[in-house]
Amino acid sequence: MSEPEHTPDGHHVVINGRKWRATDPLIPDERRSELQSILMAWRREVKRTKGARAARDGVQAAKVALGGARHPVVGADGGGASGPLGDPGPSTGCRVSLSAR
């Protein structure tokens, strides 16, 4: 399978004419791989817990860390919401963090 077409900014891929969010191109490969493993662990946890809020929040935090989802804007001042980025992944024991290691 060939690599999908990326938008000029690298933040989206185009598949069958539809634009999808992509992993932030500035995330180093090793960190991206770690975050993808954490994301998949949280997705397994969602299935295992039949959609528990904490597991769904873990999926969202991992997606935000990967750059494939954006923080929601909350409050009148436009400040971003903080998610459970420090929560341990369910089966990896890793912590999701935006900082590079």
Protein backbone atom coordinates (compact mmCIF):
# COMPACT_ATOMS: atom_id res chain seq x y z
CA MET A 1 0.00 0.00 0.00
CA SER A 2 1.39 3.41 -0.92
CA GLU A 3 1.61 6.44 1.33
CA PRO A 4 -1.52 8.63 1.21
CA GLU A 5 -1.30 12.14 -0.21
CA HIS A 6 -0.65 14.83 2.41
CA THR A 7 -1.82 18.45 2.40
CA PRO A 8 0.96 21.05 2.05
CA ASP A 9 1.02 21.70 5.82
CA GLY A 10 1.32 17.96 6.55
CA HIS A 11 -1.52 17.97 9.09
CA HIS A 12 -4.03 16.11 6.87
CA VAL A 13 -4.03 13.16 4.49
CA VAL A 14 -6.30 12.83 1.48
CA ILE A 15 -7.87 9.39 0.97
CA ASN A 16 -10.44 8.83 -1.79
CA GLY A 17 -10.94 12.58 -2.08
CA ARG A 18 -11.65 13.06 1.65
CA LYS A 19 -9.38 15.00 3.99
CA TRP A 20 -8.52 13.31 7.32
CA ARG A 21 -6.44 14.60 10.24
CA ALA A 22 -2.94 13.16 10.36
CA THR A 23 -0.35 12.81 13.09
CA ASP A 24 1.57 16.04 13.68
CA PRO A 25 4.56 15.83 11.31
CA LEU A 26 6.80 17.49 13.93
CA ILE A 27 6.49 14.54 16.36
CA PRO A 28 9.64 12.37 16.19
CA ASP A 29 9.08 8.83 14.87
CA GLU A 30 9.95 7.15 18.18
CA ARG A 31 7.53 9.36 20.15
CA ARG A 32 4.82 8.90 17.48
CA SER A 33 5.15 5.14 17.76
CA GLU A 34 4.90 5.31 21.56
CA LEU A 35 1.80 7.52 21.39
CA GLN A 36 0.16 5.25 18.81
CA SER A 37 0.70 2.27 21.14
CA ILE A 38 -0.90 4.22 23.98
CA LEU A 39 -3.83 5.20 21.74
CA MET A 40 -4.45 1.59 20.76
CA ALA A 41 -4.27 0.49 24.43
CA TRP A 42 -6.92 3.08 25.33
CA ARG A 43 -9.09 1.92 22.42
CA ARG A 44 -8.88 -1.66 23.71
CA GLU A 45 -9.84 -0.32 27.14
CA VAL A 46 -12.92 1.40 25.64
CA LYS A 47 -14.01 -1.95 24.24
CA ARG A 48 -13.24 -3.84 27.46
CA THR A 49 -15.15 -1.34 29.63
CA LYS A 50 -18.00 -0.95 27.14
CA GLY A 51 -17.28 2.73 26.60
CA ALA A 52 -16.41 3.96 30.10
CA ARG A 53 -15.88 7.72 30.25
CA ALA A 54 -12.32 7.40 31.61
CA ALA A 55 -11.33 5.14 28.71
CA ARG A 56 -12.90 7.45 26.12
CA ASP A 57 -11.08 10.39 27.74
CA GLY A 58 -7.83 8.42 27.44
CA VAL A 59 -8.44 7.93 23.71
CA GLN A 60 -9.08 11.65 23.28
CA ALA A 61 -5.94 12.59 25.24
CA ALA A 62 -3.81 10.27 23.10
CA LYS A 63 -5.31 11.69 19.90
CA VAL A 64 -4.60 15.24 21.07
CA ALA A 65 -1.01 14.26 21.94
CA LEU A 66 -0.60 12.84 18.42
CA GLY A 67 -1.91 16.04 16.91
CA GLY A 68 -4.82 14.26 15.21
CA ALA A 69 -7.38 16.02 17.39
CA ARG A 70 -7.41 19.48 18.81
CA HIS A 71 -8.07 20.72 22.35
CA PRO A 72 -11.64 22.04 22.61
CA VAL A 73 -11.92 25.75 23.36
CA VAL A 74 -13.72 26.44 26.63
CA GLY A 75 -14.61 29.51 28.63
CA ALA A 76 -15.20 33.08 27.62
CA ASP A 77 -11.46 33.80 27.59
CA GLY A 78 -10.92 31.13 24.91
CA GLY A 79 -8.58 29.11 27.10
CA GLY A 80 -8.12 25.50 26.08
CA ALA A 81 -9.41 22.58 28.11
CA SER A 82 -6.86 20.35 29.74
CA GLY A 83 -7.39 16.65 29.27
CA PRO A 84 -6.08 13.62 31.12
CA LEU A 85 -2.67 13.82 29.45
CA GLY A 86 -0.95 12.61 32.61
CA ASP A 87 -3.20 9.58 33.06
CA PRO A 88 -1.43 6.25 32.69
CA GLY A 89 -2.38 4.17 29.68
CA PRO A 90 -4.46 1.13 30.65
CA SER A 91 -2.13 -1.63 29.53
CA THR A 92 1.11 0.18 28.71
CA GLY A 93 1.80 1.85 32.04
CA CYS A 94 2.95 4.83 29.96
CA ARG A 95 1.92 8.39 30.53
CA VAL A 96 0.64 10.50 27.66
CA SER A 97 2.51 13.77 27.52
CA LEU A 98 3.02 16.45 24.90
CA SER A 99 6.63 16.98 25.96
CA ALA A 100 9.39 15.15 24.13
CA ARG A 101 11.47 12.67 26.09
